[in-house]
Amino acid sequence: MEFKTFCTGTRTTYREVRLEHELINKFYEIRNPLQEKILSIPDGCVNIWFLWKDGKCQARLIGSALMGKPSLVSNHEQCFGIKFNAGVVPEVFLNDIGHIINNNCPVNKYKDISFMEKEVETMETFEQKLIYFLERDSVFGKNRVNSITRFIVEDVAEKMGNLTISELADMLGYSQHYTNQVFRRNLGMPIKQYSGIVRIQQAIYGIEMKDRDFIYENLGYYDQSHFIREFKRYTLLTPKSYDKEDWSFV
C-alpha cells in the first residue's frame, strides 16, 4: 500500500514516479503557485524536499510528522520531493533520525549532499530532476536500519498497525523494552506511534475507496466517534470535511 504524505486542495497539481529501489520509494512534485494550504500527513518515512519561492531553492530533510499539521510546502510555489521507503534511513542521515522526526533540517549541513541544492535550483522540469537524482542515488549511502527494525516494519504493515509490542517481542525473542529501544534508535519513534501511523494510512485508503466496512472490521477502531477523533488528529480533517471540501491525499 502506498502511504500518503500530503493532503492537497484542488488548485495544486501533483505528480509522482514510483520506483523499485533499495532506498527510494518515489519522486514527486507539487506545484502550488497560489501558496494554498497543504497538510502534512504522518507517513512514517524520511523525505527530502526541494522548495522553491521567488526563484530560490532550499532543500530540507524531513522527518515523518506525528500528527496532521500545516505543511511547510504551503509557503512555497513548488516542491520536488524524494520519499524513502518505509523502514529506510540512508546512512548519511542515520545519526540524526531522532532529531528530525516531526521536524526538519537543512540538507546543506550534510557535506556529502550539500551541493545538490544549488545544482537543482535552476532545473525547470520534473524529468530533469528525476534523471539527476537517479544518476546520483549512491550519495545517500546504504540503508543502515537493522534487521530487527526491518522485521517490525514488515509485520506492522502486514497487520495494518493492529499489534502489540508484547506480540512483537515474543516473536523476536527479546524483551519489550529492548525491542522498542532498538526500533526507536533506528526510526526515531516508538513502535506504538509507528503502528498508529500505519493504521491511519490504512484508514485513509478505506476513506478513499469509500469502504467504511474495511475500516471498522480491520483497523480496531471500537466505534465511529473513536475513528473520527483519530482521523482528525492525524489529518486535521473529519471524514465528512474530506468528502465535502474536495481534498486529495497524495
C-alpha atoms as a PDB file:
ATOM      1  CA  MET A   1       0.000   0.000   0.000  1.00  0.00           C
ATOM      2  CA  GLU A   2       1.246   3.491  -0.847  1.00  0.00           C
ATOM      3  CA  PHE A   3       1.497   5.745   2.222  1.00  0.00           C
ATOM      4  CA  LYS A   4       0.305   9.329   1.748  1.00  0.00           C
ATOM      5  CA  THR A   5       2.383  12.338   2.788  1.00  0.00           C
ATOM      6  CA  PHE A   6       0.096  15.297   1.974  1.00  0.00           C
ATOM      7  CA  CYS A   7      -3.479  16.385   1.700  1.00  0.00           C
ATOM      8  CA  THR A   8      -3.906  18.976  -1.063  1.00  0.00           C
ATOM      9  CA  GLY A   9      -6.693  21.114  -2.456  1.00  0.00           C
ATOM     10  CA  THR A  10      -7.982  21.417  -5.998  1.00  0.00           C
ATOM     11  CA  ARG A  11      -5.718  24.298  -7.069  1.00  0.00           C
ATOM     12  CA  THR A  12      -2.444  22.478  -6.565  1.00  0.00           C
ATOM     13  CA  THR A  13      -1.049  19.951  -9.044  1.00  0.00           C
ATOM     14  CA  TYR A  14       0.744  16.756  -8.085  1.00  0.00           C
ATOM     15  CA  ARG A  15       2.688  14.131  -9.996  1.00  0.00           C
ATOM     16  CA  GLU A  16       4.891  11.234  -8.967  1.00  0.00           C
ATOM     17  CA  VAL A  17       7.076   8.428 -10.265  1.00  0.00           C
ATOM     18  CA  ARG A  18       7.311   5.311  -8.091  1.00  0.00           C
ATOM     19  CA  LEU A  19      10.428   3.164  -8.075  1.00  0.00           C
ATOM     20  CA  GLU A  20      11.538  -0.355  -7.259  1.00  0.00           C
ATOM     21  CA  HIS A  21      14.674   0.751  -5.416  1.00  0.00           C
ATOM     22  CA  GLU A  22      16.587  -0.284  -2.308  1.00  0.00           C
ATOM     23  CA  LEU A  23      16.197   3.169  -0.754  1.00  0.00           C
ATOM     24  CA  ILE A  24      13.823   5.366  -2.725  1.00  0.00           C
ATOM     25  CA  ASN A  25      10.064   4.850  -2.816  1.00  0.00           C
ATOM     26  CA  LYS A  26       9.226   7.647  -5.261  1.00  0.00           C
ATOM     27  CA  PHE A  27       9.969  11.085  -6.647  1.00  0.00           C
ATOM     28  CA  TYR A  28       7.153  13.631  -6.654  1.00  0.00           C
ATOM     29  CA  GLU A  29       6.370  17.224  -7.496  1.00  0.00           C
ATOM     30  CA  ILE A  30       3.825  19.661  -6.094  1.00  0.00           C
ATOM     31  CA  ARG A  31       3.126  22.925  -7.877  1.00  0.00           C
ATOM     32  CA  ASN A  32       1.335  25.421  -5.674  1.00  0.00           C
ATOM     33  CA  PRO A  33       1.572  28.832  -7.391  1.00  0.00           C
ATOM     34  CA  LEU A  34      -1.057  30.407  -5.114  1.00  0.00           C
ATOM     35  CA  GLN A  35       0.635  29.034  -1.983  1.00  0.00           C
ATOM     36  CA  GLU A  36      -2.580  27.439  -0.804  1.00  0.00           C
ATOM     37  CA  LYS A  37      -2.820  25.405   2.379  1.00  0.00           C
ATOM     38  CA  ILE A  38      -1.349  21.903   2.151  1.00  0.00           C
ATOM     39  CA  LEU A  39      -1.468  19.483   5.077  1.00  0.00           C
ATOM     40  CA  SER A  40       1.333  17.141   6.124  1.00  0.00           C
ATOM     41  CA  ILE A  41       0.140  13.633   6.982  1.00  0.00           C
ATOM     42  CA  PRO A  42       2.211  11.229   9.125  1.00  0.00           C
ATOM     43  CA  ASP A  43       3.749   8.649   6.772  1.00  0.00           C
ATOM     44  CA  GLY A  44       6.496   7.106   8.919  1.00  0.00           C
ATOM     45  CA  CYS A  45       9.070   7.844   6.199  1.00  0.00           C
ATOM     46  CA  VAL A  46      12.037  10.142   5.634  1.00  0.00           C
ATOM     47  CA  ASN A  47      11.631  12.659   2.793  1.00  0.00           C
ATOM     48  CA  ILE A  48      13.800  15.331   1.187  1.00  0.00           C
ATOM     49  CA  TRP A  49      12.035  18.431  -0.124  1.00  0.00           C
ATOM     50  CA  PHE A  50      13.480  20.922  -2.584  1.00  0.00           C
ATOM     51  CA  LEU A  51      11.330  24.018  -2.109  1.00  0.00           C
ATOM     52  CA  TRP A  52      11.123  26.981  -4.495  1.00  0.00           C
ATOM     53  CA  LYS A  53       9.992  30.504  -3.754  1.00  0.00           C
ATOM     54  CA  ASP A  54      10.783  33.579  -5.857  1.00  0.00           C
ATOM     55  CA  GLY A  55      13.206  31.534  -7.955  1.00  0.00           C
ATOM     56  CA  LYS A  56      15.294  30.399  -4.983  1.00  0.00           C
ATOM     57  CA  CYS A  57      15.553  26.788  -3.833  1.00  0.00           C
ATOM     58  CA  GLN A  58      16.100  25.463  -0.336  1.00  0.00           C
ATOM     59  CA  ALA A  59      16.498  21.758   0.440  1.00  0.00           C
ATOM     60  CA  ARG A  60      15.198  20.285   3.694  1.00  0.00           C
ATOM     61  CA  LEU A  61      15.492  16.851   5.242  1.00  0.00           C
ATOM     62  CA  ILE A  62      12.021  15.999   6.536  1.00  0.00           C
ATOM     63  CA  GLY A  63      11.174  13.519   9.267  1.00  0.00           C
ATOM     64  CA  SER A  64       7.720  11.993   9.469  1.00  0.00           C
ATOM     65  CA  ALA A  65       5.026  14.132  11.037  1.00  0.00           C
ATOM     66  CA  LEU A  66       3.481  12.564  14.154  1.00  0.00           C
ATOM     67  CA  MET A  67       0.080  14.164  13.691  1.00  0.00           C
ATOM     68  CA  GLY A  68      -1.573  16.237  10.996  1.00  0.00           C
ATOM     69  CA  LYS A  69      -0.227  19.769  10.617  1.00  0.00           C
ATOM     70  CA  PRO A  70       0.040  22.563   8.020  1.00  0.00           C
ATOM     71  CA  SER A  71       2.900  21.698   5.698  1.00  0.00           C
ATOM     72  CA  LEU A  72       5.999  23.759   5.036  1.00  0.00           C
ATOM     73  CA  VAL A  73       5.187  23.203   1.351  1.00  0.00           C
ATOM     74  CA  SER A  74       2.219  25.587   1.760  1.00  0.00           C
ATOM     75  CA  ASN A  75       4.607  28.543   1.880  1.00  0.00           C
ATOM     76  CA  HIS A  76       6.302  27.693  -1.427  1.00  0.00           C
ATOM     77  CA  GLU A  77       5.401  27.722  -5.091  1.00  0.00           C
ATOM     78  CA  GLN A  78       6.919  24.342  -5.912  1.00  0.00           C
ATOM     79  CA  CYS A  79       8.245  21.248  -4.173  1.00  0.00           C
ATOM     80  CA  PHE A  80      10.275  18.408  -5.640  1.00  0.00           C
ATOM     81  CA  GLY A  81      10.377  15.520  -3.198  1.00  0.00           C
ATOM     82  CA  ILE A  82      12.277  12.301  -2.636  1.00  0.00           C
ATOM     83  CA  LYS A  83      10.471   9.806  -0.433  1.00  0.00           C
ATOM     84  CA  PHE A  84      12.452   6.931   1.042  1.00  0.00           C
ATOM     85  CA  ASN A  85      10.894   3.524   1.621  1.00  0.00           C
ATOM     86  CA  ALA A  86       9.240   2.649   4.935  1.00  0.00           C
ATOM     87  CA  GLY A  87      11.902   1.372   7.299  1.00  0.00           C
ATOM     88  CA  VAL A  88      14.716   3.039   5.357  1.00  0.00           C
ATOM     89  CA  VAL A  89      17.070   5.632   6.812  1.00  0.00           C
ATOM     90  CA  PRO A  90      20.033   6.274   4.482  1.00  0.00           C
ATOM     91  CA  GLU A  91      23.318   6.132   6.352  1.00  0.00           C
ATOM     92  CA  VAL A  92      24.057   9.788   5.633  1.00  0.00           C
ATOM     93  CA  PHE A  93      21.113  10.707   7.937  1.00  0.00           C
ATOM     94  CA  LEU A  94      21.067   7.852  10.450  1.00  0.00           C
ATOM     95  CA  ASN A  95      22.687   9.723  13.347  1.00  0.00           C
ATOM     96  CA  ASP A  96      20.057  12.477  13.127  1.00  0.00           C
ATOM     97  CA  ILE A  97      16.883  10.393  12.854  1.00  0.00           C
ATOM     98  CA  GLY A  98      15.830  11.169  16.430  1.00  0.00           C
ATOM     99  CA  HIS A  99      16.113  14.914  15.779  1.00  0.00           C
ATOM    100  CA  ILE A 100      14.200  15.104  12.502  1.00  0.00           C
ATOM    101  CA  ILE A 101      11.029  13.204  13.463  1.00  0.00           C
ATOM    102  CA  ASN A 102       8.214  15.775  13.348  1.00  0.00           C
ATOM    103  CA  ASN A 103      10.894  18.261  12.346  1.00  0.00           C
ATOM    104  CA  ASN A 104      13.250  19.184   9.515  1.00  0.00           C
ATOM    105  CA  CYS A 105      16.784  20.410   8.961  1.00  0.00           C
ATOM    106  CA  PRO A 106      18.742  21.934   6.060  1.00  0.00           C
ATOM    107  CA  VAL A 107      20.272  19.440   3.648  1.00  0.00           C
ATOM    108  CA  ASN A 108      23.352  21.634   3.260  1.00  0.00           C
ATOM    109  CA  LYS A 109      24.537  20.551   6.719  1.00  0.00           C
ATOM    110  CA  TYR A 110      25.433  17.172   5.158  1.00  0.00           C
ATOM    111  CA  LYS A 111      28.625  17.762   3.211  1.00  0.00           C
ATOM    112  CA  ASP A 112      28.192  14.655   1.010  1.00  0.00           C
ATOM    113  CA  ILE A 113      24.963  16.034  -0.498  1.00  0.00           C
ATOM    114  CA  SER A 114      25.134  19.780   0.195  1.00  0.00           C
ATOM    115  CA  PHE A 115      25.963  20.528  -3.456  1.00  0.00           C
ATOM    116  CA  MET A 116      22.539  19.337  -4.624  1.00  0.00           C
ATOM    117  CA  GLU A 117      20.590  22.400  -3.525  1.00  0.00           C
ATOM    118  CA  LYS A 118      22.346  24.778  -5.936  1.00  0.00           C
ATOM    119  CA  GLU A 119      22.525  22.283  -8.789  1.00  0.00           C
ATOM    120  CA  VAL A 120      18.793  21.552  -8.642  1.00  0.00           C
ATOM    121  CA  GLU A 121      17.761  25.198  -8.251  1.00  0.00           C
ATOM    122  CA  THR A 122      17.927  26.027 -11.980  1.00  0.00           C
ATOM    123  CA  MET A 123      16.304  22.825 -13.253  1.00  0.00           C
ATOM    124  CA  GLU A 124      12.930  23.591 -14.793  1.00  0.00           C
ATOM    125  CA  THR A 125      11.312  20.229 -15.473  1.00  0.00           C
ATOM    126  CA  PHE A 126      10.322  17.277 -13.327  1.00  0.00           C
ATOM    127  CA  GLU A 127      12.134  14.974 -15.752  1.00  0.00           C
ATOM    128  CA  GLN A 128      15.434  16.852 -15.354  1.00  0.00           C
ATOM    129  CA  LYS A 129      15.300  16.447 -11.584  1.00  0.00           C
ATOM    130  CA  LEU A 130      14.299  12.812 -11.836  1.00  0.00           C
ATOM    131  CA  ILE A 131      17.257  11.929 -14.060  1.00  0.00           C
ATOM    132  CA  TYR A 132      19.627  13.990 -11.913  1.00  0.00           C
ATOM    133  CA  PHE A 133      18.802  12.028  -8.756  1.00  0.00           C
ATOM    134  CA  LEU A 134      18.649   8.631 -10.427  1.00  0.00           C
ATOM    135  CA  GLU A 135      22.217   9.211 -11.601  1.00  0.00           C
ATOM    136  CA  ARG A 136      23.346  10.195  -8.088  1.00  0.00           C
ATOM    137  CA  ASP A 137      21.391   7.865  -5.819  1.00  0.00           C
ATOM    138  CA  SER A 138      24.588   6.363  -4.395  1.00  0.00           C
ATOM    139  CA  VAL A 139      25.363   9.594  -2.488  1.00  0.00           C
ATOM    140  CA  PHE A 140      22.746   8.659   0.114  1.00  0.00           C
ATOM    141  CA  GLY A 141      24.679   5.524   1.076  1.00  0.00           C
ATOM    142  CA  LYS A 142      23.117   2.246   2.185  1.00  0.00           C
ATOM    143  CA  ASN A 143      20.127   1.594   4.412  1.00  0.00           C
ATOM    144  CA  ARG A 144      21.614   1.119   7.883  1.00  0.00           C
ATOM    145  CA  VAL A 145      18.378   0.212   9.683  1.00  0.00           C
ATOM    146  CA  ASN A 146      18.962  -3.155  11.355  1.00  0.00           C
ATOM    147  CA  SER A 147      17.181  -6.455  10.754  1.00  0.00           C
ATOM    148  CA  ILE A 148      15.038  -6.260  13.912  1.00  0.00           C
ATOM    149  CA  THR A 149      13.597  -2.920  12.833  1.00  0.00           C
ATOM    150  CA  ARG A 150      13.019  -4.124   9.276  1.00  0.00           C
ATOM    151  CA  PHE A 151      11.138  -7.160  10.609  1.00  0.00           C
ATOM    152  CA  ILE A 152       8.934  -4.932  12.785  1.00  0.00           C
ATOM    153  CA  VAL A 153       8.174  -2.567   9.892  1.00  0.00           C
ATOM    154  CA  GLU A 154       7.111  -5.502   7.711  1.00  0.00           C
ATOM    155  CA  ASP A 155       4.995  -7.101  10.444  1.00  0.00           C
ATOM    156  CA  VAL A 156       3.258  -3.834  11.345  1.00  0.00           C
ATOM    157  CA  ALA A 157       2.423  -3.326   7.651  1.00  0.00           C
ATOM    158  CA  GLU A 158       1.122  -6.877   7.287  1.00  0.00           C
ATOM    159  CA  LYS A 159      -1.134  -6.469  10.334  1.00  0.00           C
ATOM    160  CA  MET A 160      -2.225  -2.948   9.321  1.00  0.00           C
ATOM    161  CA  GLY A 161      -0.983  -1.449  12.592  1.00  0.00           C
ATOM    162  CA  ASN A 162      -3.044  -3.809  14.759  1.00  0.00           C
ATOM    163  CA  LEU A 163      -0.499  -5.479  17.012  1.00  0.00           C
ATOM    164  CA  THR A 164       1.138  -5.024  20.386  1.00  0.00           C
ATOM    165  CA  ILE A 165       4.750  -4.650  21.439  1.00  0.00           C
ATOM    166  CA  SER A 166       4.397  -7.809  23.536  1.00  0.00           C
ATOM    167  CA  GLU A 167       3.413  -9.800  20.427  1.00  0.00           C
ATOM    168  CA  LEU A 168       6.418  -8.479  18.533  1.00  0.00           C
ATOM    169  CA  ALA A 169       8.798  -9.100  21.428  1.00  0.00           C
ATOM    170  CA  ASP A 170       7.568 -12.695  21.752  1.00  0.00           C
ATOM    171  CA  MET A 171       8.113 -13.336  18.042  1.00  0.00           C
ATOM    172  CA  LEU A 172      11.603 -11.839  18.166  1.00  0.00           C
ATOM    173  CA  GLY A 173      12.609 -13.441  21.459  1.00  0.00           C
ATOM    174  CA  TYR A 174      13.616 -10.153  23.108  1.00  0.00           C
ATOM    175  CA  SER A 175      12.181  -8.108  25.964  1.00  0.00           C
ATOM    176  CA  GLN A 176       9.575  -5.455  25.173  1.00  0.00           C
ATOM    177  CA  HIS A 177      11.930  -2.736  26.400  1.00  0.00           C
ATOM    178  CA  TYR A 178      14.808  -3.856  24.187  1.00  0.00           C
ATOM    179  CA  THR A 179      12.558  -4.347  21.146  1.00  0.00           C
ATOM    180  CA  ASN A 180      11.117  -0.851  21.471  1.00  0.00           C
ATOM    181  CA  GLN A 181      14.525   0.664  22.213  1.00  0.00           C
ATOM    182  CA  VAL A 182      16.071  -0.813  19.050  1.00  0.00           C
ATOM    183  CA  PHE A 183      13.160   0.358  16.914  1.00  0.00           C
ATOM    184  CA  ARG A 184      13.247   3.871  18.337  1.00  0.00           C
ATOM    185  CA  ARG A 185      17.003   4.155  17.861  1.00  0.00           C
ATOM    186  CA  ASN A 186      16.625   3.207  14.189  1.00  0.00           C
ATOM    187  CA  LEU A 187      13.435   5.057  13.180  1.00  0.00           C
ATOM    188  CA  GLY A 188      13.213   7.813  15.774  1.00  0.00           C
ATOM    189  CA  MET A 189       9.823   6.879  17.249  1.00  0.00           C
ATOM    190  CA  PRO A 190       8.356   4.117  19.439  1.00  0.00           C
ATOM    191  CA  ILE A 191       6.630   1.112  17.885  1.00  0.00           C
ATOM    192  CA  LYS A 192       3.202   2.176  19.162  1.00  0.00           C
ATOM    193  CA  GLN A 193       3.490   5.519  17.401  1.00  0.00           C
ATOM    194  CA  TYR A 194       4.617   3.909  14.156  1.00  0.00           C
ATOM    195  CA  SER A 195       1.754   1.394  14.351  1.00  0.00           C
ATOM    196  CA  GLY A 196      -0.717   4.256  14.769  1.00  0.00           C
ATOM    197  CA  ILE A 197       0.652   5.875  11.604  1.00  0.00           C
ATOM    198  CA  VAL A 198       0.282   2.639   9.643  1.00  0.00           C
ATOM    199  CA  ARG A 199      -3.261   2.216  10.921  1.00  0.00           C
ATOM    200  CA  ILE A 200      -4.339   5.727   9.907  1.00  0.00           C
ATOM    201  CA  GLN A 201      -2.750   5.227   6.491  1.00  0.00           C
ATOM    202  CA  GLN A 202      -4.924   2.134   6.083  1.00  0.00           C
ATOM    203  CA  ALA A 203      -7.921   4.200   7.188  1.00  0.00           C
ATOM    204  CA  ILE A 204      -7.088   6.822   4.545  1.00  0.00           C
ATOM    205  CA  TYR A 205      -7.159   4.023   1.980  1.00  0.00           C
ATOM    206  CA  GLY A 206     -10.602   2.992   3.258  1.00  0.00           C
ATOM    207  CA  ILE A 207     -11.864   6.581   3.059  1.00  0.00           C
ATOM    208  CA  GLU A 208     -10.555   6.961  -0.493  1.00  0.00           C
ATOM    209  CA  MET A 209     -12.225   3.689  -1.510  1.00  0.00           C
ATOM    210  CA  LYS A 210     -15.432   4.762   0.300  1.00  0.00           C
ATOM    211  CA  ASP A 211     -15.254   1.484   2.210  1.00  0.00           C
ATOM    212  CA  ARG A 212     -16.143   2.191   5.839  1.00  0.00           C
ATOM    213  CA  ASP A 213     -16.674  -1.534   6.496  1.00  0.00           C
ATOM    214  CA  PHE A 214     -12.968  -2.113   5.776  1.00  0.00           C
ATOM    215  CA  ILE A 215     -12.071   0.482   8.405  1.00  0.00           C
ATOM    216  CA  TYR A 216     -14.303  -0.806  11.193  1.00  0.00           C
ATOM    217  CA  GLU A 217     -13.737  -4.509  10.524  1.00  0.00           C
ATOM    218  CA  ASN A 218      -9.942  -4.431  10.143  1.00  0.00           C
ATOM    219  CA  LEU A 219      -8.398  -1.487  11.948  1.00  0.00           C
ATOM    220  CA  GLY A 220      -9.517  -1.831  15.565  1.00  0.00           C
ATOM    221  CA  TYR A 221     -11.472   1.413  15.959  1.00  0.00           C
ATOM    222  CA  TYR A 222     -14.071   0.498  18.551  1.00  0.00           C
ATOM    223  CA  ASP A 223     -16.733   2.969  17.409  1.00  0.00           C
ATOM    224  CA  GLN A 224     -17.352   5.767  14.921  1.00  0.00           C
ATOM    225  CA  SER A 225     -16.504   8.608  17.304  1.00  0.00           C
ATOM    226  CA  HIS A 226     -13.156   6.966  18.138  1.00  0.00           C
ATOM    227  CA  PHE A 227     -12.317   6.729  14.450  1.00  0.00           C
ATOM    228  CA  ILE A 228     -13.342  10.329  13.732  1.00  0.00           C
ATOM    229  CA  ARG A 229     -11.162  11.611  16.606  1.00  0.00           C
ATOM    230  CA  GLU A 230      -8.160   9.637  15.394  1.00  0.00           C
ATOM    231  CA  PHE A 231      -8.689  10.635  11.767  1.00  0.00           C
ATOM    232  CA  LYS A 232      -8.835  14.310  12.722  1.00  0.00           C
ATOM    233  CA  ARG A 233      -5.732  14.029  14.922  1.00  0.00           C
ATOM    234  CA  TYR A 234      -3.684  12.600  12.072  1.00  0.00           C
ATOM    235  CA  THR A 235      -5.123  14.621   9.169  1.00  0.00           C
ATOM    236  CA  LEU A 236      -6.738  17.783  10.678  1.00  0.00           C
ATOM    237  CA  LEU A 237      -9.904  16.733   8.817  1.00  0.00           C
ATOM    238  CA  THR A 238     -13.016  14.756   9.616  1.00  0.00           C
ATOM    239  CA  PRO A 239     -14.147  12.141   7.095  1.00  0.00           C
ATOM    240  CA  LYS A 240     -17.100  14.396   6.283  1.00  0.00           C
ATOM    241  CA  SER A 241     -14.966  17.512   5.686  1.00  0.00           C
ATOM    242  CA  TYR A 242     -12.610  15.469   3.494  1.00  0.00           C
ATOM    243  CA  ASP A 243     -15.541  14.439   1.280  1.00  0.00           C
ATOM    244  CA  LYS A 244     -17.174  17.861   1.272  1.00  0.00           C
ATOM    245  CA  GLU A 245     -14.147  20.092   0.641  1.00  0.00           C
ATOM    246  CA  ASP A 246     -12.506  18.187  -2.237  1.00  0.00           C
ATOM    247  CA  TRP A 247      -9.232  17.368  -0.526  1.00  0.00           C
ATOM    248  CA  SER A 248      -6.918  14.747  -2.032  1.00  0.00           C
ATOM    249  CA  PHE A 249      -4.405  12.545  -0.224  1.00  0.00           C
ATOM    250  CA  VAL A 250      -1.147  12.239  -2.183  1.00  0.00           C
END
